[in-house]
């Protein structure tokens, strides 16, 4: 009877979570969308910081509570999908059934059938809990893995939602292109610029994340707005990294390796860089204005 009361209390308060148990190594995602979406943090509105259930990609389950700002494991077990809409949950010697009526990237509703003592059906209505973006190791900033890491971190925190396209289609693409293809074609001054600006862009993105993780996480969910934010960091990063002091031949070489479609998207950024620290600034300053 005591065990039944304890579990009932947990079901009224708790969450499903991936962030506290999944390691940095990535497992192959399950084939079913059901299996993919069930992994994550869930719970009643406003109770995310007090208690959670944890379901991981590799079939583990834990019930957690927060005491004195630390998460305590209340009980643990495993789960297996037994149909397109139900799970069998094993904890200690008990086997419960969780029937799911609705599962989306942000909501989970259904019924938990408890097998402790007298069988009991408890209705569940949860929302996904916010998981703070994981900062990139500061000592590794500037390396080639940064944007892939940010893309995977988003996917881990937001099952079923596409990451912002900037991470792979712009950030990772040009980091690798400029570092591996363009850099050897530049002067020593140009090579140093490529190294500095790659590091500076990553530092600015991490500064945004660390200053307000919740705002950063919400911004990531709007690909266009996130792209705008990222493009705007290019202006100061390019200028402070020495774009305006490069040999004109380096400027031209770098510009030639920007895809036309990307130049069109970032035309405002390109013009701003040219006015602030490039040839347009020098041309403007040379005009015979009083």
C-alpha atoms as a PDB file:
ATOM      1  CA  UNK A   1       0.000   0.000   0.000  1.00  0.00           C
ATOM      2  CA  UNK A   2       2.817   2.412   0.831  1.00  0.00           C
ATOM      3  CA  UNK A   3       4.536   1.677  -2.494  1.00  0.00           C
ATOM      4  CA  UNK A   4       1.256   2.300  -4.321  1.00  0.00           C
ATOM      5  CA  UNK A   5       0.830   5.687  -2.644  1.00  0.00           C
ATOM      6  CA  UNK A   6       4.412   6.655  -3.465  1.00  0.00           C
ATOM      7  CA  UNK A   7       4.031   5.811  -7.154  1.00  0.00           C
ATOM      8  CA  UNK A   8       0.696   7.637  -7.339  1.00  0.00           C
ATOM      9  CA  UNK A   9       2.360  10.768  -5.939  1.00  0.00           C
ATOM     10  CA  UNK A  10       5.129  10.520  -8.499  1.00  0.00           C
ATOM     11  CA  UNK A  11       2.726  10.116 -11.393  1.00  0.00           C
ATOM     12  CA  UNK A  12       1.000  13.314 -10.381  1.00  0.00           C
ATOM     13  CA  UNK A  13       4.196  15.327 -10.303  1.00  0.00           C
ATOM     14  CA  UNK A  14       6.774  13.928 -12.653  1.00  0.00           C
ATOM     15  CA  UNK A  15       8.603  14.039 -15.973  1.00  0.00           C
ATOM     16  CA  UNK A  16      10.165  11.959 -18.723  1.00  0.00           C
ATOM     17  CA  UNK A  17      13.771  12.981 -19.418  1.00  0.00           C
ATOM     18  CA  UNK A  18      16.681  12.309 -21.745  1.00  0.00           C
ATOM     19  CA  UNK A  19      19.162  14.989 -20.745  1.00  0.00           C
ATOM     20  CA  UNK A  20      20.029  13.562 -17.331  1.00  0.00           C
ATOM     21  CA  UNK A  21      20.833  10.037 -18.522  1.00  0.00           C
ATOM     22  CA  UNK A  22      21.956  10.091 -22.154  1.00  0.00           C
ATOM     23  CA  UNK A  23      25.675  10.331 -22.647  1.00  0.00           C
ATOM     24  CA  UNK A  24      27.424  12.423 -25.295  1.00  0.00           C
ATOM     25  CA  UNK A  25      27.713   9.368 -27.563  1.00  0.00           C
ATOM     26  CA  UNK A  26      24.879   9.297 -30.102  1.00  0.00           C
ATOM     27  CA  UNK A  27      22.789   6.155 -30.560  1.00  0.00           C
ATOM     28  CA  UNK A  28      20.981   5.339 -33.772  1.00  0.00           C
ATOM     29  CA  UNK A  29      17.436   6.696 -33.540  1.00  0.00           C
ATOM     30  CA  UNK A  30      14.628   4.158 -33.436  1.00  0.00           C
ATOM     31  CA  UNK A  31      12.773   3.520 -36.678  1.00  0.00           C
ATOM     32  CA  UNK A  32       9.378   4.513 -35.316  1.00  0.00           C
ATOM     33  CA  UNK A  33       8.347   8.131 -34.783  1.00  0.00           C
ATOM     34  CA  UNK A  34       6.695   6.888 -31.581  1.00  0.00           C
ATOM     35  CA  UNK A  35       9.999   5.604 -30.247  1.00  0.00           C
ATOM     36  CA  UNK A  36      11.701   8.836 -31.237  1.00  0.00           C
ATOM     37  CA  UNK A  37       9.217  11.194 -29.582  1.00  0.00           C
ATOM     38  CA  UNK A  38       8.755   9.299 -26.322  1.00  0.00           C
ATOM     39  CA  UNK A  39      12.314  10.203 -25.311  1.00  0.00           C
ATOM     40  CA  UNK A  40      12.362  13.555 -23.539  1.00  0.00           C
ATOM     41  CA  UNK A  41      11.406  15.467 -20.404  1.00  0.00           C
ATOM     42  CA  UNK A  42       7.701  15.660 -19.577  1.00  0.00           C
ATOM     43  CA  UNK A  43       5.502  16.749 -16.710  1.00  0.00           C
ATOM     44  CA  UNK A  44       2.646  18.802 -15.433  1.00  0.00           C
ATOM     45  CA  UNK A  45       2.705  22.498 -16.177  1.00  0.00           C
ATOM     46  CA  UNK A  46       4.792  24.456 -13.717  1.00  0.00           C
ATOM     47  CA  UNK A  47       6.228  21.368 -12.009  1.00  0.00           C
ATOM     48  CA  UNK A  48       9.257  20.797 -14.203  1.00  0.00           C
ATOM     49  CA  UNK A  49      11.660  21.796 -11.435  1.00  0.00           C
ATOM     50  CA  UNK A  50      10.245  19.518  -8.758  1.00  0.00           C
ATOM     51  CA  UNK A  51       9.887  16.009 -10.194  1.00  0.00           C
ATOM     52  CA  UNK A  52      10.425  14.077 -13.434  1.00  0.00           C
ATOM     53  CA  UNK A  53      10.225  10.712 -15.106  1.00  0.00           C
ATOM     54  CA  UNK A  54      13.150   9.778 -17.327  1.00  0.00           C
ATOM     55  CA  UNK A  55      12.855   7.668 -20.482  1.00  0.00           C
ATOM     56  CA  UNK A  56      16.062   7.226 -22.480  1.00  0.00           C
ATOM     57  CA  UNK A  57      16.822   6.074 -26.002  1.00  0.00           C
ATOM     58  CA  UNK A  58      18.253   2.793 -24.744  1.00  0.00           C
ATOM     59  CA  UNK A  59      15.136   1.750 -22.807  1.00  0.00           C
ATOM     60  CA  UNK A  60      15.924   2.946 -19.272  1.00  0.00           C
ATOM     61  CA  UNK A  61      13.431   4.659 -16.986  1.00  0.00           C
ATOM     62  CA  UNK A  62      13.868   6.608 -13.739  1.00  0.00           C
ATOM     63  CA  UNK A  63      11.657   8.635 -11.440  1.00  0.00           C
ATOM     64  CA  UNK A  64      13.417  11.701 -10.032  1.00  0.00           C
ATOM     65  CA  UNK A  65      12.682  14.367  -7.449  1.00  0.00           C
ATOM     66  CA  UNK A  66      14.492  17.586  -6.703  1.00  0.00           C
ATOM     67  CA  UNK A  67      15.638  18.260  -3.159  1.00  0.00           C
ATOM     68  CA  UNK A  68      17.928  21.109  -2.185  1.00  0.00           C
ATOM     69  CA  UNK A  69      18.642  21.811  -5.861  1.00  0.00           C
ATOM     70  CA  UNK A  70      19.807  18.247  -6.514  1.00  0.00           C
ATOM     71  CA  UNK A  71      18.027  15.476  -8.410  1.00  0.00           C
ATOM     72  CA  UNK A  72      17.363  12.320  -6.378  1.00  0.00           C
ATOM     73  CA  UNK A  73      16.557   8.972  -8.015  1.00  0.00           C
ATOM     74  CA  UNK A  74      13.323   7.697  -6.501  1.00  0.00           C
ATOM     75  CA  UNK A  75      13.110   4.441  -8.461  1.00  0.00           C
ATOM     76  CA  UNK A  76      14.256   3.092 -11.784  1.00  0.00           C
ATOM     77  CA  UNK A  77      13.591   0.386 -14.299  1.00  0.00           C
ATOM     78  CA  UNK A  78      13.123  -0.145 -18.018  1.00  0.00           C
ATOM     79  CA  UNK A  79      10.475   0.192 -20.689  1.00  0.00           C
ATOM     80  CA  UNK A  80       9.559  -1.617 -23.929  1.00  0.00           C
ATOM     81  CA  UNK A  81       7.090  -0.584 -26.611  1.00  0.00           C
ATOM     82  CA  UNK A  82       4.468  -3.324 -26.857  1.00  0.00           C
ATOM     83  CA  UNK A  83       2.208  -1.768 -29.505  1.00  0.00           C
ATOM     84  CA  UNK A  84       1.875   1.394 -31.577  1.00  0.00           C
ATOM     85  CA  UNK A  85       0.280   3.158 -28.590  1.00  0.00           C
ATOM     86  CA  UNK A  86       1.529   1.472 -25.423  1.00  0.00           C
ATOM     87  CA  UNK A  87       4.579   0.764 -23.285  1.00  0.00           C
ATOM     88  CA  UNK A  88       5.308  -1.903 -20.699  1.00  0.00           C
ATOM     89  CA  UNK A  89       7.189  -0.339 -17.795  1.00  0.00           C
ATOM     90  CA  UNK A  90       9.185  -2.594 -15.477  1.00  0.00           C
ATOM     91  CA  UNK A  91      10.328  -1.332 -12.076  1.00  0.00           C
ATOM     92  CA  UNK A  92      11.396  -3.587  -9.259  1.00  0.00           C
ATOM     93  CA  UNK A  93       9.171  -6.677  -9.651  1.00  0.00           C
ATOM     94  CA  UNK A  94       6.231  -4.734 -11.112  1.00  0.00           C
ATOM     95  CA  UNK A  95       5.022  -4.411 -14.708  1.00  0.00           C
ATOM     96  CA  UNK A  96       2.844  -1.394 -15.541  1.00  0.00           C
ATOM     97  CA  UNK A  97       1.183  -0.438 -18.814  1.00  0.00           C
ATOM     98  CA  UNK A  98       1.259   3.081 -20.217  1.00  0.00           C
ATOM     99  CA  UNK A  99      -1.298   3.626 -22.965  1.00  0.00           C
ATOM    100  CA  UNK A 100      -0.716   6.774 -24.994  1.00  0.00           C
ATOM    101  CA  UNK A 101      -3.607   8.641 -26.575  1.00  0.00           C
ATOM    102  CA  UNK A 102      -1.637  11.599 -27.969  1.00  0.00           C
ATOM    103  CA  UNK A 103       2.088  12.122 -28.517  1.00  0.00           C
ATOM    104  CA  UNK A 104       3.594  15.188 -30.210  1.00  0.00           C
ATOM    105  CA  UNK A 105       6.978  16.929 -29.907  1.00  0.00           C
ATOM    106  CA  UNK A 106       5.529  19.024 -27.055  1.00  0.00           C
ATOM    107  CA  UNK A 107       2.610  17.107 -25.467  1.00  0.00           C
ATOM    108  CA  UNK A 108       1.947  13.637 -24.068  1.00  0.00           C
ATOM    109  CA  UNK A 109      -1.411  12.351 -22.811  1.00  0.00           C
ATOM    110  CA  UNK A 110      -2.613   8.873 -21.903  1.00  0.00           C
ATOM    111  CA  UNK A 111      -3.286   6.506 -19.016  1.00  0.00           C
ATOM    112  CA  UNK A 112      -0.826   4.805 -16.652  1.00  0.00           C
ATOM    113  CA  UNK A 113      -2.145   1.426 -15.395  1.00  0.00           C
ATOM    114  CA  UNK A 114      -0.434   0.684 -12.077  1.00  0.00           C
ATOM    115  CA  UNK A 115       0.063  -2.946 -11.054  1.00  0.00           C
ATOM    116  CA  UNK A 116       1.164  -2.263  -7.465  1.00  0.00           C
ATOM    117  CA  UNK A 117      -1.441  -3.553  -5.041  1.00  0.00           C
ATOM    118  CA  UNK A 118      -4.903  -2.962  -6.522  1.00  0.00           C
ATOM    119  CA  UNK A 119      -4.753  -2.147 -10.211  1.00  0.00           C
ATOM    120  CA  UNK A 120      -5.385   1.526 -10.821  1.00  0.00           C
ATOM    121  CA  UNK A 121      -5.602   3.729 -13.936  1.00  0.00           C
ATOM    122  CA  UNK A 122      -4.173   7.226 -13.622  1.00  0.00           C
ATOM    123  CA  UNK A 123      -4.739   9.790 -16.409  1.00  0.00           C
ATOM    124  CA  UNK A 124      -1.585  11.534 -17.637  1.00  0.00           C
ATOM    125  CA  UNK A 125      -1.400  14.952 -19.308  1.00  0.00           C
ATOM    126  CA  UNK A 126       2.161  16.233 -19.677  1.00  0.00           C
ATOM    127  CA  UNK A 127       4.141  18.769 -21.640  1.00  0.00           C
ATOM    128  CA  UNK A 128       7.778  18.475 -22.633  1.00  0.00           C
ATOM    129  CA  UNK A 129      10.182  20.040 -20.159  1.00  0.00           C
ATOM    130  CA  UNK A 130      12.734  22.619 -21.192  1.00  0.00           C
ATOM    131  CA  UNK A 131      16.291  21.303 -21.424  1.00  0.00           C
ATOM    132  CA  UNK A 132      18.980  23.954 -21.363  1.00  0.00           C
ATOM    133  CA  UNK A 133      21.320  23.985 -24.390  1.00  0.00           C
ATOM    134  CA  UNK A 134      24.676  22.439 -23.580  1.00  0.00           C
ATOM    135  CA  UNK A 135      27.565  24.942 -23.828  1.00  0.00           C
ATOM    136  CA  UNK A 136      30.443  23.945 -26.058  1.00  0.00           C
ATOM    137  CA  UNK A 137      33.721  23.281 -24.180  1.00  0.00           C
ATOM    138  CA  UNK A 138      35.487  26.620 -24.123  1.00  0.00           C
ATOM    139  CA  UNK A 139      38.894  25.056 -24.747  1.00  0.00           C
ATOM    140  CA  UNK A 140      37.568  23.539 -28.005  1.00  0.00           C
ATOM    141  CA  UNK A 141      36.069  26.714 -29.475  1.00  0.00           C
ATOM    142  CA  UNK A 142      37.330  27.358 -32.977  1.00  0.00           C
ATOM    143  CA  UNK A 143      37.494  23.724 -34.040  1.00  0.00           C
ATOM    144  CA  UNK A 144      35.640  22.118 -36.940  1.00  0.00           C
ATOM    145  CA  UNK A 145      33.052  20.263 -34.839  1.00  0.00           C
ATOM    146  CA  UNK A 146      31.281  23.262 -33.332  1.00  0.00           C
ATOM    147  CA  UNK A 147      28.242  23.591 -35.608  1.00  0.00           C
ATOM    148  CA  UNK A 148      27.703  19.828 -35.797  1.00  0.00           C
ATOM    149  CA  UNK A 149      27.691  19.798 -31.983  1.00  0.00           C
ATOM    150  CA  UNK A 150      25.147  22.626 -31.821  1.00  0.00           C
ATOM    151  CA  UNK A 151      22.952  20.871 -34.407  1.00  0.00           C
ATOM    152  CA  UNK A 152      23.026  17.565 -32.490  1.00  0.00           C
ATOM    153  CA  UNK A 153      22.408  19.312 -29.180  1.00  0.00           C
ATOM    154  CA  UNK A 154      19.266  20.916 -30.607  1.00  0.00           C
ATOM    155  CA  UNK A 155      18.028  17.589 -32.011  1.00  0.00           C
ATOM    156  CA  UNK A 156      18.601  15.881 -28.655  1.00  0.00           C
ATOM    157  CA  UNK A 157      16.602  18.555 -26.827  1.00  0.00           C
ATOM    158  CA  UNK A 158      13.825  18.848 -29.429  1.00  0.00           C
ATOM    159  CA  UNK A 159      12.813  15.469 -30.889  1.00  0.00           C
ATOM    160  CA  UNK A 160      10.760  15.861 -34.044  1.00  0.00           C
ATOM    161  CA  UNK A 161      11.713  19.513 -34.645  1.00  0.00           C
ATOM    162  CA  UNK A 162      14.180  20.556 -37.363  1.00  0.00           C
ATOM    163  CA  UNK A 163      17.314  22.351 -36.110  1.00  0.00           C
ATOM    164  CA  UNK A 164      17.951  25.870 -37.457  1.00  0.00           C
ATOM    165  CA  UNK A 165      19.390  25.558 -40.963  1.00  0.00           C
ATOM    166  CA  UNK A 166      22.250  27.939 -40.140  1.00  0.00           C
ATOM    167  CA  UNK A 167      24.155  25.265 -38.201  1.00  0.00           C
ATOM    168  CA  UNK A 168      24.817  22.863 -41.070  1.00  0.00           C
ATOM    169  CA  UNK A 169      23.887  24.735 -44.260  1.00  0.00           C
ATOM    170  CA  UNK A 170      25.917  27.843 -43.429  1.00  0.00           C
ATOM    171  CA  UNK A 171      28.036  27.639 -40.290  1.00  0.00           C
ATOM    172  CA  UNK A 172      29.481  24.162 -40.738  1.00  0.00           C
ATOM    173  CA  UNK A 173      29.659  24.426 -44.523  1.00  0.00           C
ATOM    174  CA  UNK A 174      31.705  27.628 -44.564  1.00  0.00           C
ATOM    175  CA  UNK A 175      33.822  26.807 -41.541  1.00  0.00           C
ATOM    176  CA  UNK A 176      35.064  23.698 -43.311  1.00  0.00           C
ATOM    177  CA  UNK A 177      35.278  25.346 -46.723  1.00  0.00           C
ATOM    178  CA  UNK A 178      37.295  28.348 -45.561  1.00  0.00           C
ATOM    179  CA  UNK A 179      39.476  26.365 -43.164  1.00  0.00           C
ATOM    180  CA  UNK A 180      40.226  23.424 -45.474  1.00  0.00           C
ATOM    181  CA  UNK A 181      39.888  24.775 -49.031  1.00  0.00           C
ATOM    182  CA  UNK A 182      40.336  28.539 -48.992  1.00  0.00           C
ATOM    183  CA  UNK A 183      42.904  29.039 -46.252  1.00  0.00           C
ATOM    184  CA  UNK A 184      45.819  27.474 -48.177  1.00  0.00           C
ATOM    185  CA  UNK A 185      45.163  29.942 -51.045  1.00  0.00           C
ATOM    186  CA  UNK A 186      45.525  33.035 -48.841  1.00  0.00           C
ATOM    187  CA  UNK A 187      48.452  35.091 -47.647  1.00  0.00           C
ATOM    188  CA  UNK A 188      49.702  34.501 -44.087  1.00  0.00           C
ATOM    189  CA  UNK A 189      47.650  37.515 -43.075  1.00  0.00           C
ATOM    190  CA  UNK A 190      44.578  36.005 -44.700  1.00  0.00           C
ATOM    191  CA  UNK A 191      45.168  32.637 -43.054  1.00  0.00           C
ATOM    192  CA  UNK A 192      45.362  34.279 -39.644  1.00  0.00           C
ATOM    193  CA  UNK A 193      42.112  36.110 -40.419  1.00  0.00           C
ATOM    194  CA  UNK A 194      40.305  32.838 -41.245  1.00  0.00           C
ATOM    195  CA  UNK A 195      41.442  31.356 -37.928  1.00  0.00           C
ATOM    196  CA  UNK A 196      40.435  34.435 -35.920  1.00  0.00           C
ATOM    197  CA  UNK A 197      37.024  34.955 -37.478  1.00  0.00           C
ATOM    198  CA  UNK A 198      36.065  31.268 -37.147  1.00  0.00           C
ATOM    199  CA  UNK A 199      36.859  31.379 -33.444  1.00  0.00           C
ATOM    200  CA  UNK A 200      35.187  34.761 -32.931  1.00  0.00           C
ATOM    201  CA  UNK A 201      31.900  33.686 -34.541  1.00  0.00           C
ATOM    202  CA  UNK A 202      31.706  30.665 -32.247  1.00  0.00           C
ATOM    203  CA  UNK A 203      32.499  32.761 -29.187  1.00  0.00           C
ATOM    204  CA  UNK A 204      29.707  35.203 -30.040  1.00  0.00           C
ATOM    205  CA  UNK A 205      27.179  32.396 -30.452  1.00  0.00           C
ATOM    206  CA  UNK A 206      28.220  30.826 -27.152  1.00  0.00           C
ATOM    207  CA  UNK A 207      28.005  34.212 -25.416  1.00  0.00           C
ATOM    208  CA  UNK A 208      24.397  34.524 -26.595  1.00  0.00           C
ATOM    209  CA  UNK A 209      23.628  31.032 -25.288  1.00  0.00           C
ATOM    210  CA  UNK A 210      25.246  31.584 -21.890  1.00  0.00           C
ATOM    211  CA  UNK A 211      23.660  34.997 -21.351  1.00  0.00           C
ATOM    212  CA  UNK A 212      20.119  33.594 -21.612  1.00  0.00           C
ATOM    213  CA  UNK A 213      19.799  29.835 -22.339  1.00  0.00           C
ATOM    214  CA  UNK A 214      15.992  29.931 -22.453  1.00  0.00           C
ATOM    215  CA  UNK A 215      15.902  32.804 -24.961  1.00  0.00           C
ATOM    216  CA  UNK A 216      18.584  31.097 -27.067  1.00  0.00           C
ATOM    217  CA  UNK A 217      16.620  27.832 -27.075  1.00  0.00           C
ATOM    218  CA  UNK A 218      13.463  29.629 -28.223  1.00  0.00           C
ATOM    219  CA  UNK A 219      15.387  31.531 -30.901  1.00  0.00           C
ATOM    220  CA  UNK A 220      16.735  28.241 -32.280  1.00  0.00           C
ATOM    221  CA  UNK A 221      13.182  27.088 -33.013  1.00  0.00           C
ATOM    222  CA  UNK A 222      12.679  29.892 -35.552  1.00  0.00           C
ATOM    223  CA  UNK A 223      15.173  29.171 -38.311  1.00  0.00           C
ATOM    224  CA  UNK A 224      14.783  32.548 -40.052  1.00  0.00           C
ATOM    225  CA  UNK A 225      15.207  34.573 -36.865  1.00  0.00           C
ATOM    226  CA  UNK A 226      18.158  32.468 -35.776  1.00  0.00           C
ATOM    227  CA  UNK A 227      19.803  32.956 -39.173  1.00  0.00           C
ATOM    228  CA  UNK A 228      19.292  36.718 -38.858  1.00  0.00           C
ATOM    229  CA  UNK A 229      20.907  36.724 -35.411  1.00  0.00           C
ATOM    230  CA  UNK A 230      23.861  34.662 -36.656  1.00  0.00           C
ATOM    231  CA  UNK A 231      24.383  36.823 -39.751  1.00  0.00           C
ATOM    232  CA  UNK A 232      24.461  39.938 -37.585  1.00  0.00           C
ATOM    233  CA  UNK A 233      27.343  38.530 -35.532  1.00  0.00           C
ATOM    234  CA  UNK A 234      29.394  38.360 -38.736  1.00  0.00           C
ATOM    235  CA  UNK A 235      29.707  42.132 -38.996  1.00  0.00           C
ATOM    236  CA  UNK A 236      31.650  42.722 -35.782  1.00  0.00           C
ATOM    237  CA  UNK A 237      33.469  39.384 -36.062  1.00  0.00           C
ATOM    238  CA  UNK A 238      34.775  40.130 -39.558  1.00  0.00           C
ATOM    239  CA  UNK A 239      35.765  43.708 -38.790  1.00  0.00           C
ATOM    240  CA  UNK A 240      37.439  42.939 -35.460  1.00  0.00           C
ATOM    241  CA  UNK A 241      39.272  39.985 -37.007  1.00  0.00           C
ATOM    242  CA  UNK A 242      40.890  42.264 -39.604  1.00  0.00           C
ATOM    243  CA  UNK A 243      38.781  42.010 -42.773  1.00  0.00           C
ATOM    244  CA  UNK A 244      39.452  45.632 -43.678  1.00  0.00           C
ATOM    245  CA  UNK A 245      43.221  45.202 -43.324  1.00  0.00           C
ATOM    246  CA  UNK A 246      43.562  42.188 -45.607  1.00  0.00           C
ATOM    247  CA  UNK A 247      45.216  42.421 -49.021  1.00  0.00           C
ATOM    248  CA  UNK A 248      42.512  43.029 -51.615  1.00  0.00           C
ATOM    249  CA  UNK A 249      43.459  39.718 -53.239  1.00  0.00           C
ATOM    250  CA  UNK A 250      42.496  37.876 -50.038  1.00  0.00           C
ATOM    251  CA  UNK A 251      39.158  39.718 -49.897  1.00  0.00           C
ATOM    252  CA  UNK A 252      38.397  38.652 -53.450  1.00  0.00           C
ATOM    253  CA  UNK A 253      39.473  35.044 -52.912  1.00  0.00           C
ATOM    254  CA  UNK A 254      37.295  34.675 -49.818  1.00  0.00           C
ATOM    255  CA  UNK A 255      34.304  36.313 -51.527  1.00  0.00           C
ATOM    256  CA  UNK A 256      34.555  33.970 -54.522  1.00  0.00           C
ATOM    257  CA  UNK A 257      33.946  30.955 -52.292  1.00  0.00           C
ATOM    258  CA  UNK A 258      30.589  32.213 -51.009  1.00  0.00           C
ATOM    259  CA  UNK A 259      27.699  30.543 -52.852  1.00  0.00           C
ATOM    260  CA  UNK A 260      25.499  32.960 -54.788  1.00  0.00           C
ATOM    261  CA  UNK A 261      22.377  31.788 -52.926  1.00  0.00           C
ATOM    262  CA  UNK A 262      24.017  32.487 -49.565  1.00  0.00           C
ATOM    263  CA  UNK A 263      25.312  35.857 -50.698  1.00  0.00           C
ATOM    264  CA  UNK A 264      21.773  36.790 -51.662  1.00  0.00           C
ATOM    265  CA  UNK A 265      20.440  35.789 -48.258  1.00  0.00           C
ATOM    266  CA  UNK A 266      23.136  37.711 -46.448  1.00  0.00           C
ATOM    267  CA  UNK A 267      23.423  40.693 -48.771  1.00  0.00           C
ATOM    268  CA  UNK A 268      22.621  43.108 -45.954  1.00  0.00           C
ATOM    269  CA  UNK A 269      25.392  41.627 -43.823  1.00  0.00           C
ATOM    270  CA  UNK A 270      27.857  41.782 -46.710  1.00  0.00           C
ATOM    271  CA  UNK A 271      27.092  45.439 -47.362  1.00  0.00           C
ATOM    272  CA  UNK A 272      27.322  46.258 -43.649  1.00  0.00           C
ATOM    273  CA  UNK A 273      30.758  44.626 -43.437  1.00  0.00           C
ATOM    274  CA  UNK A 274      31.942  46.505 -46.524  1.00  0.00           C
ATOM    275  CA  UNK A 275      30.720  49.832 -45.143  1.00  0.00           C
ATOM    276  CA  UNK A 276      32.080  49.282 -41.648  1.00  0.00           C
ATOM    277  CA  UNK A 277      35.497  47.849 -42.407  1.00  0.00           C
ATOM    278  CA  UNK A 278      35.811  47.166 -46.138  1.00  0.00           C
ATOM    279  CA  UNK A 279      36.303  48.866 -49.476  1.00  0.00           C
ATOM    280  CA  UNK A 280      32.934  50.700 -49.374  1.00  0.00           C
ATOM    281  CA  UNK A 281      34.039  52.470 -46.210  1.00  0.00           C
ATOM    282  CA  UNK A 282      37.233  53.675 -47.891  1.00  0.00           C
ATOM    283  CA  UNK A 283      35.340  54.715 -51.026  1.00  0.00           C
ATOM    284  CA  UNK A 284      32.734  56.578 -48.986  1.00  0.00           C
ATOM    285  CA  UNK A 285      35.354  58.369 -46.922  1.00  0.00           C
ATOM    286  CA  UNK A 286      37.167  59.468 -50.076  1.00  0.00           C
ATOM    287  CA  UNK A 287      34.122  61.229 -51.537  1.00  0.00           C
ATOM    288  CA  UNK A 288      34.449  65.045 -51.653  1.00  0.00           C
ATOM    289  CA  UNK A 289      31.722  65.814 -49.130  1.00  0.00           C
ATOM    290  CA  UNK A 290      32.075  68.998 -47.116  1.00  0.00           C
END
